[in-house]
Protein backbone atom coordinates (compact mmCIF):
# COMPACT_ATOMS: atom_id res chain seq x y z
CA MET A 1 -38.91 11.06 -114.06
CA PRO A 2 -37.82 14.10 -116.08
CA SER A 3 -35.61 16.77 -114.66
CA LEU A 4 -37.35 19.52 -112.71
CA ASP A 5 -36.12 21.99 -115.35
CA ILE A 6 -37.75 20.32 -118.35
CA TYR A 7 -41.27 21.73 -117.90
CA PRO A 8 -40.27 25.34 -117.24
CA ASN A 9 -38.01 25.20 -120.30
CA LEU A 10 -40.68 23.55 -122.44
CA VAL A 11 -43.28 26.14 -121.46
CA LYS A 12 -40.88 29.03 -122.01
CA THR A 13 -39.75 27.68 -125.41
CA ALA A 14 -43.34 27.11 -126.52
CA LEU A 15 -44.37 30.63 -125.60
CA GLN A 16 -41.36 32.18 -127.29
CA ALA A 17 -42.00 30.13 -130.44
CA GLU A 18 -45.40 31.78 -130.64
CA ASP A 19 -43.79 35.25 -130.30
CA TRP A 20 -44.84 35.81 -126.68
CA THR A 21 -42.49 37.99 -124.65
CA ILE A 22 -41.79 36.52 -121.23
CA THR A 23 -41.23 39.03 -118.46
CA HIS A 24 -42.39 37.21 -115.32
CA ASP A 25 -42.59 33.78 -113.74
CA PRO A 26 -45.32 32.66 -113.22
CA TYR A 27 -46.14 33.52 -116.79
CA PHE A 28 -48.97 36.00 -117.14
CA LEU A 29 -49.23 37.06 -120.75
CA SER A 30 -51.56 39.28 -122.68
CA ALA A 31 -51.52 40.14 -126.38
CA GLY A 32 -54.28 41.56 -128.53
CA GLY A 33 -56.94 40.70 -125.99
CA THR A 34 -55.72 37.11 -125.54
CA GLU A 35 -54.57 36.18 -122.05
CA LEU A 36 -52.58 33.21 -120.80
CA TYR A 37 -51.56 32.52 -117.21
CA ILE A 38 -49.25 29.54 -116.63
CA GLU A 39 -47.21 28.50 -113.64
CA VAL A 40 -44.76 25.63 -113.21
CA LYS A 41 -44.79 24.37 -109.63
CA GLN A 42 -44.35 21.02 -107.92
CA ASN A 43 -42.95 19.77 -111.26
CA LYS A 44 -46.36 20.26 -112.90
CA VAL A 45 -47.61 22.77 -115.43
CA TRP A 46 -50.55 24.71 -113.97
CA ILE A 47 -52.72 26.44 -116.55
CA HIS A 48 -54.69 29.00 -114.56
CA TRP A 49 -56.19 30.70 -117.59
CA ASP A 50 -55.93 29.91 -121.30
CA GLY A 51 -57.54 32.38 -123.64
CA THR A 52 -55.63 31.13 -126.69
CA GLU A 53 -57.52 29.87 -129.70
CA GLU A 54 -55.65 26.57 -130.01
CA GLY A 55 -55.38 25.82 -126.31
CA PHE A 56 -51.98 25.67 -124.69
CA ILE A 57 -52.85 22.30 -123.15
CA ASN A 58 -52.86 20.85 -126.69
CA TYR A 59 -49.32 22.11 -127.26
CA LEU A 60 -48.15 20.47 -124.04
CA GLU A 61 -49.72 17.15 -125.02
CA GLN A 62 -48.16 17.31 -128.49
CA ASN A 63 -44.79 17.72 -126.79
CA GLN A 64 -45.26 14.61 -124.67
CA VAL A 65 -46.06 16.29 -121.36
CA PRO A 66 -48.05 13.58 -119.56
CA CYS A 67 -51.60 14.44 -118.55
CA ASP A 68 -50.77 13.71 -114.91
CA GLN A 69 -48.25 16.59 -115.07
CA ILE A 70 -50.79 19.16 -116.32
CA VAL A 71 -53.20 20.88 -113.93
CA GLN A 72 -56.28 22.66 -115.23
CA GLY A 73 -55.99 25.38 -112.62
CA TRP A 74 -59.08 27.25 -113.80
CA LEU A 75 -61.24 24.36 -112.55
CA PRO A 76 -62.00 23.86 -108.86
CA PRO A 77 -60.22 20.79 -107.39
CA GLU A 78 -63.46 18.86 -106.97
CA MET A 79 -64.03 19.11 -110.74
CA ARG A 80 -60.40 18.34 -111.68
CA GLN A 81 -60.72 14.85 -110.22
CA HIS A 82 -63.16 13.97 -113.01
CA THR A 83 -60.67 14.80 -115.79
CA ASP A 84 -57.69 12.93 -117.23
CA TYR A 85 -55.38 15.63 -115.86
CA ALA A 86 -53.69 16.13 -112.49
CA VAL A 87 -55.81 17.37 -109.59
CA ASN A 88 -52.96 19.38 -107.98
């Protein structure tokens, strides 16, 4: 199992690589009308809102974050259970 620090660092590095300025944790970001709200808790990456064009979930998958470590927080739990991602 990866270190508890790997996901917060991966998320932070990914956001900074895309020129986002990080000022808070959980990460609530807004730029040019695009909003992104991400939280790392219980060693999982929770995406509460992703208004990015490419989809931040795609970036996580490309960087080998397992699907069972990603929570689609914008979906209600009863809907999350029907996806390939973590429920909570």
